[in-house]
């Protein structure tokens, strides 16, 4: 059994311009995902807009510089995540494929990454 992080990527502008009906449809998709995944979901949250981000950057060992905004200026951003347990990567892929962002009409996707266990 392994632990995997599902990072949900999407277009911030598309998310910000969604109608209330589209937001409800996406929310319903996440509720269906949580129901199907059951106890495999250890944690999951939506992230606030990148306009609220604060970034710390190191400058060669000096105190980190604090800046407003995301680390990278890109169109596609991480909008949420889940931490799940799954038998293997194939099982994690099967669960992740239930997320609405894997079939959305707007630019989006889900990145699956194994979590390194402390040891």
N, C-alpha and C. Protein backbone atom coordinates (compact mmCIF):
# COMPACT_ATOMS: atom_id res chain seq x y z
N UNK A 1 0.85 -1.17 0.00
CA UNK A 1 0.00 0.00 0.00
C UNK A 1 0.89 1.23 0.00
N UNK A 2 0.57 2.21 -0.84
CA UNK A 2 1.35 3.43 -0.92
C UNK A 2 0.47 4.66 -0.70
N UNK A 3 1.14 5.77 -0.47
CA UNK A 3 0.46 7.05 -0.33
C UNK A 3 0.80 7.89 -1.54
N UNK A 4 -0.22 8.53 -2.11
CA UNK A 4 -0.06 9.33 -3.32
C UNK A 4 -0.72 10.68 -3.13
N UNK A 5 -0.09 11.71 -3.71
CA UNK A 5 -0.71 13.03 -3.73
C UNK A 5 -1.24 13.26 -5.14
N UNK A 6 -2.49 13.69 -5.20
CA UNK A 6 -3.12 14.05 -6.46
C UNK A 6 -3.18 15.57 -6.50
N UNK A 7 -2.40 16.17 -7.39
CA UNK A 7 -2.36 17.62 -7.53
C UNK A 7 -3.27 18.01 -8.70
N UNK A 8 -4.27 18.80 -8.42
CA UNK A 8 -5.25 19.18 -9.43
C UNK A 8 -4.82 20.50 -10.06
N UNK A 9 -4.52 20.44 -11.36
CA UNK A 9 -4.05 21.60 -12.11
C UNK A 9 -5.18 22.16 -12.96
N UNK A 10 -5.15 23.45 -13.19
CA UNK A 10 -6.12 24.04 -14.09
C UNK A 10 -5.79 25.48 -14.41
N UNK A 11 -6.58 26.03 -15.29
CA UNK A 11 -6.43 27.40 -15.74
C UNK A 11 -7.14 28.32 -14.74
N UNK A 12 -6.37 29.16 -14.04
CA UNK A 12 -6.94 30.05 -13.02
C UNK A 12 -8.04 30.93 -13.60
N UNK A 13 -7.83 31.47 -14.80
CA UNK A 13 -8.84 32.33 -15.43
C UNK A 13 -10.13 31.56 -15.70
N UNK A 14 -10.01 30.31 -16.15
CA UNK A 14 -11.20 29.49 -16.40
C UNK A 14 -11.94 29.22 -15.10
N UNK A 15 -11.21 28.91 -14.03
CA UNK A 15 -11.85 28.67 -12.73
C UNK A 15 -12.57 29.92 -12.25
N UNK A 16 -11.87 31.08 -12.37
CA UNK A 16 -12.44 32.34 -11.88
C UNK A 16 -13.69 32.76 -12.65
N UNK A 17 -13.80 32.34 -13.90
CA UNK A 17 -14.94 32.77 -14.73
C UNK A 17 -16.05 31.72 -14.82
N UNK A 18 -15.96 30.64 -14.06
CA UNK A 18 -16.99 29.60 -14.09
C UNK A 18 -18.32 30.14 -13.56
N UNK A 19 -19.38 29.70 -14.20
CA UNK A 19 -20.72 30.04 -13.72
C UNK A 19 -21.00 29.27 -12.43
N UNK A 20 -21.96 29.73 -11.64
CA UNK A 20 -22.32 28.98 -10.44
C UNK A 20 -22.76 27.54 -10.77
N UNK A 21 -23.40 27.34 -11.90
CA UNK A 21 -23.82 25.99 -12.30
C UNK A 21 -22.62 25.11 -12.58
N UNK A 22 -21.60 25.65 -13.23
CA UNK A 22 -20.38 24.88 -13.51
C UNK A 22 -19.64 24.57 -12.21
N UNK A 23 -19.57 25.53 -11.31
CA UNK A 23 -18.95 25.29 -10.01
C UNK A 23 -19.68 24.18 -9.26
N UNK A 24 -21.01 24.20 -9.32
CA UNK A 24 -21.80 23.14 -8.66
C UNK A 24 -21.53 21.78 -9.30
N UNK A 25 -21.39 21.74 -10.64
CA UNK A 25 -21.12 20.49 -11.34
C UNK A 25 -19.76 19.92 -10.92
N UNK A 26 -18.75 20.79 -10.84
CA UNK A 26 -17.42 20.35 -10.42
C UNK A 26 -17.46 19.88 -8.96
N UNK A 27 -18.15 20.63 -8.11
CA UNK A 27 -18.28 20.24 -6.71
C UNK A 27 -18.95 18.88 -6.56
N UNK A 28 -20.00 18.63 -7.37
CA UNK A 28 -20.68 17.33 -7.34
C UNK A 28 -19.72 16.22 -7.78
N UNK A 29 -18.88 16.51 -8.75
CA UNK A 29 -17.88 15.53 -9.19
C UNK A 29 -16.91 15.17 -8.09
N UNK A 30 -16.54 16.15 -7.29
CA UNK A 30 -15.63 15.88 -6.17
C UNK A 30 -16.33 15.09 -5.07
N UNK A 31 -17.60 15.37 -4.84
CA UNK A 31 -18.34 14.56 -3.85
C UNK A 31 -18.44 13.11 -4.32
N UNK A 32 -18.68 12.89 -5.62
CA UNK A 32 -18.74 11.53 -6.15
C UNK A 32 -17.37 10.84 -6.01
N UNK A 33 -16.29 11.59 -6.27
CA UNK A 33 -14.94 11.03 -6.11
C UNK A 33 -14.73 10.59 -4.66
N UNK A 34 -15.06 11.45 -3.70
CA UNK A 34 -14.86 11.13 -2.29
C UNK A 34 -15.69 9.91 -1.88
N UNK A 35 -16.92 9.82 -2.39
CA UNK A 35 -17.77 8.66 -2.08
C UNK A 35 -17.16 7.38 -2.65
N UNK A 36 -16.68 7.45 -3.89
CA UNK A 36 -16.11 6.26 -4.55
C UNK A 36 -14.79 5.86 -3.89
N UNK A 37 -13.98 6.84 -3.51
CA UNK A 37 -12.66 6.55 -2.93
C UNK A 37 -12.77 6.14 -1.47
N UNK A 38 -13.80 6.59 -0.79
CA UNK A 38 -14.02 6.20 0.61
C UNK A 38 -12.83 6.50 1.50
N UNK A 39 -12.43 5.49 2.27
CA UNK A 39 -11.35 5.67 3.25
C UNK A 39 -9.97 5.81 2.60
N UNK A 40 -9.88 5.65 1.29
CA UNK A 40 -8.60 5.86 0.61
C UNK A 40 -8.20 7.33 0.64
N UNK A 41 -9.17 8.23 0.79
CA UNK A 41 -8.86 9.66 0.86
C UNK A 41 -8.43 10.00 2.29
N UNK A 42 -7.17 10.39 2.43
CA UNK A 42 -6.64 10.78 3.73
C UNK A 42 -6.84 12.26 4.00
N UNK A 43 -6.79 13.06 2.94
CA UNK A 43 -6.88 14.51 3.04
C UNK A 43 -7.20 15.05 1.66
N UNK A 44 -7.86 16.18 1.61
CA UNK A 44 -8.12 16.83 0.33
C UNK A 44 -8.73 18.19 0.55
N UNK A 45 -8.26 19.16 -0.18
CA UNK A 45 -8.75 20.52 -0.04
C UNK A 45 -8.61 21.28 -1.36
N UNK A 46 -9.47 22.27 -1.49
CA UNK A 46 -9.33 23.26 -2.56
C UNK A 46 -8.38 24.32 -2.04
N UNK A 47 -7.54 24.85 -2.91
CA UNK A 47 -6.63 25.93 -2.52
C UNK A 47 -7.21 27.27 -2.93
N UNK A 48 -6.92 28.30 -2.14
CA UNK A 48 -7.35 29.65 -2.49
C UNK A 48 -6.65 30.09 -3.77
N UNK A 49 -7.17 31.11 -4.39
CA UNK A 49 -6.62 31.64 -5.65
C UNK A 49 -5.15 31.98 -5.51
N UNK A 50 -4.44 31.90 -6.61
CA UNK A 50 -3.01 32.27 -6.60
C UNK A 50 -2.81 33.74 -6.25
N UNK A 51 -3.86 34.56 -6.36
CA UNK A 51 -3.73 35.97 -5.98
C UNK A 51 -3.46 36.12 -4.49
N UNK A 52 -3.70 35.07 -3.70
CA UNK A 52 -3.46 35.11 -2.26
C UNK A 52 -2.12 34.50 -1.87
N UNK A 53 -1.37 34.00 -2.85
CA UNK A 53 -0.12 33.29 -2.56
C UNK A 53 0.98 34.22 -2.06
N UNK A 54 1.83 33.69 -1.21
CA UNK A 54 3.06 34.34 -0.76
C UNK A 54 4.18 33.34 -1.00
N UNK A 55 5.29 33.82 -1.54
CA UNK A 55 6.41 32.93 -1.87
C UNK A 55 7.66 33.37 -1.13
N UNK A 56 8.40 32.38 -0.62
CA UNK A 56 9.71 32.63 -0.03
C UNK A 56 10.75 32.11 -1.00
N UNK A 57 11.75 32.94 -1.30
CA UNK A 57 12.83 32.53 -2.21
C UNK A 57 14.16 32.77 -1.53
N UNK A 58 15.03 31.77 -1.61
CA UNK A 58 16.36 31.89 -1.05
C UNK A 58 17.27 32.56 -2.06
N UNK A 59 18.13 33.39 -1.57
CA UNK A 59 19.11 34.06 -2.43
C UNK A 59 20.52 33.70 -1.97
N UNK A 60 20.91 32.46 -2.25
CA UNK A 60 22.27 32.03 -1.95
C UNK A 60 22.61 31.99 -0.46
N UNK A 61 21.72 31.44 0.34
CA UNK A 61 22.00 31.28 1.76
C UNK A 61 21.58 32.45 2.61
N UNK A 62 21.21 33.55 1.99
CA UNK A 62 20.73 34.70 2.76
C UNK A 62 19.31 34.44 3.24
N UNK A 63 18.81 35.32 4.10
CA UNK A 63 17.42 35.19 4.54
C UNK A 63 16.53 35.14 3.31
N UNK A 64 15.48 34.34 3.36
CA UNK A 64 14.61 34.26 2.20
C UNK A 64 13.90 35.58 1.93
N UNK A 65 13.71 35.84 0.66
CA UNK A 65 12.98 37.02 0.23
C UNK A 65 11.50 36.66 0.16
N UNK A 66 10.65 37.50 0.69
CA UNK A 66 9.20 37.26 0.70
C UNK A 66 8.58 38.10 -0.41
N UNK A 67 7.82 37.41 -1.29
CA UNK A 67 7.14 38.13 -2.37
C UNK A 67 5.68 37.70 -2.43
N UNK A 68 4.84 38.58 -2.92
CA UNK A 68 3.44 38.24 -3.14
C UNK A 68 3.32 37.48 -4.44
N UNK A 69 2.40 36.53 -4.46
CA UNK A 69 2.13 35.79 -5.68
C UNK A 69 2.76 34.42 -5.68
N UNK A 70 2.40 33.64 -6.70
CA UNK A 70 2.90 32.26 -6.80
C UNK A 70 4.38 32.24 -7.17
N UNK A 71 5.00 31.08 -6.95
CA UNK A 71 6.42 30.90 -7.27
C UNK A 71 6.66 31.06 -8.76
N UNK A 72 5.79 30.47 -9.57
CA UNK A 72 5.92 30.54 -11.02
C UNK A 72 4.76 31.33 -11.61
N UNK A 73 5.03 32.12 -12.61
CA UNK A 73 3.98 32.84 -13.33
C UNK A 73 3.57 31.97 -14.51
N UNK A 74 2.53 31.18 -14.32
CA UNK A 74 2.05 30.30 -15.38
C UNK A 74 0.54 30.41 -15.47
N UNK A 75 0.00 30.00 -16.61
CA UNK A 75 -1.45 30.01 -16.79
C UNK A 75 -2.09 28.88 -15.99
N UNK A 76 -1.45 27.71 -15.95
CA UNK A 76 -1.99 26.56 -15.24
C UNK A 76 -1.41 26.53 -13.83
N UNK A 77 -2.29 26.40 -12.84
CA UNK A 77 -1.87 26.45 -11.44
C UNK A 77 -2.45 25.25 -10.69
N UNK A 78 -1.90 24.98 -9.50
CA UNK A 78 -2.45 23.95 -8.63
C UNK A 78 -3.63 24.58 -7.89
N UNK A 79 -4.80 23.98 -8.05
CA UNK A 79 -6.01 24.51 -7.44
C UNK A 79 -6.51 23.70 -6.27
N UNK A 80 -5.96 22.51 -6.08
CA UNK A 80 -6.38 21.66 -4.98
C UNK A 80 -5.59 20.39 -4.97
N UNK A 81 -5.87 19.56 -3.96
CA UNK A 81 -5.11 18.31 -3.84
C UNK A 81 -5.90 17.29 -3.04
N UNK A 82 -5.52 16.07 -3.20
CA UNK A 82 -5.95 14.96 -2.34
C UNK A 82 -4.73 14.16 -1.99
N UNK A 83 -4.70 13.61 -0.80
CA UNK A 83 -3.71 12.61 -0.41
C UNK A 83 -4.50 11.32 -0.24
N UNK A 84 -4.09 10.29 -0.97
CA UNK A 84 -4.83 9.02 -0.95
C UNK A 84 -3.89 7.86 -0.65
N UNK A 85 -4.47 6.74 -0.27
CA UNK A 85 -3.72 5.50 -0.20
C UNK A 85 -4.24 4.62 -1.33
N UNK A 86 -3.34 3.86 -1.90
CA UNK A 86 -3.70 2.95 -2.99
C UNK A 86 -2.73 1.79 -3.00
N UNK A 87 -3.19 0.66 -3.50
CA UNK A 87 -2.38 -0.54 -3.58
C UNK A 87 -1.10 -0.31 -4.38
N UNK A 88 -1.23 0.43 -5.49
CA UNK A 88 -0.09 0.71 -6.36
C UNK A 88 -0.47 1.89 -7.26
N UNK A 89 0.44 2.27 -8.17
CA UNK A 89 0.20 3.41 -9.05
C UNK A 89 -1.02 3.18 -9.94
N UNK A 90 -1.22 1.97 -10.42
CA UNK A 90 -2.39 1.69 -11.26
C UNK A 90 -3.69 1.97 -10.50
N UNK A 91 -3.74 1.59 -9.24
CA UNK A 91 -4.93 1.84 -8.43
C UNK A 91 -5.10 3.34 -8.19
N UNK A 92 -3.99 4.05 -7.98
CA UNK A 92 -4.06 5.51 -7.81
C UNK A 92 -4.57 6.17 -9.09
N UNK A 93 -4.14 5.69 -10.24
CA UNK A 93 -4.61 6.22 -11.52
C UNK A 93 -6.10 5.98 -11.68
N UNK A 94 -6.57 4.79 -11.31
CA UNK A 94 -8.01 4.50 -11.41
C UNK A 94 -8.82 5.47 -10.55
N UNK A 95 -8.37 5.72 -9.33
CA UNK A 95 -9.08 6.66 -8.47
C UNK A 95 -9.01 8.08 -9.03
N UNK A 96 -7.82 8.52 -9.43
CA UNK A 96 -7.65 9.88 -9.94
C UNK A 96 -8.49 10.13 -11.19
N UNK A 97 -8.69 9.09 -11.98
CA UNK A 97 -9.47 9.26 -13.22
C UNK A 97 -10.94 9.58 -12.93
N UNK A 98 -11.38 9.43 -11.68
CA UNK A 98 -12.75 9.77 -11.29
C UNK A 98 -12.91 11.27 -11.03
N UNK A 99 -11.82 12.00 -10.90
CA UNK A 99 -11.91 13.43 -10.64
C UNK A 99 -12.43 14.18 -11.87
N UNK A 100 -13.31 15.16 -11.67
CA UNK A 100 -13.90 15.86 -12.81
C UNK A 100 -12.88 16.60 -13.67
N UNK A 101 -11.74 16.98 -13.10
CA UNK A 101 -10.73 17.71 -13.87
C UNK A 101 -10.06 16.85 -14.94
N UNK A 102 -10.19 15.53 -14.86
CA UNK A 102 -9.58 14.68 -15.89
C UNK A 102 -10.41 14.65 -17.16
N UNK A 103 -11.64 15.17 -17.11
CA UNK A 103 -12.51 15.18 -18.29
C UNK A 103 -13.14 16.55 -18.52
N UNK A 104 -12.58 17.59 -17.92
CA UNK A 104 -13.16 18.93 -18.03
C UNK A 104 -12.97 19.52 -19.42
N UNK A 105 -13.86 20.43 -19.77
CA UNK A 105 -13.77 21.10 -21.06
C UNK A 105 -12.70 22.18 -21.05
N UNK A 106 -12.37 22.70 -19.89
CA UNK A 106 -11.31 23.70 -19.78
C UNK A 106 -9.98 22.98 -19.54
N UNK A 107 -8.88 23.70 -19.73
CA UNK A 107 -7.55 23.10 -19.56
C UNK A 107 -7.35 22.71 -18.10
N UNK A 108 -7.21 21.43 -17.85
CA UNK A 108 -6.99 20.95 -16.49
C UNK A 108 -6.39 19.56 -16.52
N UNK A 109 -5.99 19.09 -15.36
CA UNK A 109 -5.44 17.74 -15.26
C UNK A 109 -5.12 17.41 -13.83
N UNK A 110 -4.68 16.19 -13.61
CA UNK A 110 -4.34 15.71 -12.28
C UNK A 110 -2.96 15.06 -12.35
N UNK A 111 -2.06 15.54 -11.52
CA UNK A 111 -0.71 14.96 -11.42
C UNK A 111 -0.71 14.02 -10.21
N UNK A 112 -0.19 12.82 -10.39
CA UNK A 112 -0.13 11.83 -9.33
C UNK A 112 1.33 11.66 -8.93
N UNK A 113 1.62 11.84 -7.64
CA UNK A 113 3.00 11.70 -7.18
C UNK A 113 3.03 10.86 -5.91
N UNK A 114 3.90 9.87 -5.86
CA UNK A 114 4.07 9.11 -4.63
C UNK A 114 4.60 10.02 -3.52
N UNK A 115 4.12 9.80 -2.32
CA UNK A 115 4.61 10.52 -1.15
C UNK A 115 5.73 9.69 -0.54
N UNK A 116 6.85 10.31 -0.27
CA UNK A 116 7.98 9.63 0.34
C UNK A 116 7.69 9.50 1.83
N UNK A 117 7.69 8.29 2.29
CA UNK A 117 7.41 8.02 3.70
C UNK A 117 8.66 8.34 4.52
N UNK A 118 8.47 8.92 5.71
CA UNK A 118 9.65 9.23 6.54
C UNK A 118 10.35 7.93 6.92
N UNK A 119 11.62 7.99 7.02
CA UNK A 119 12.28 6.76 7.36
C UNK A 119 13.68 6.91 7.65
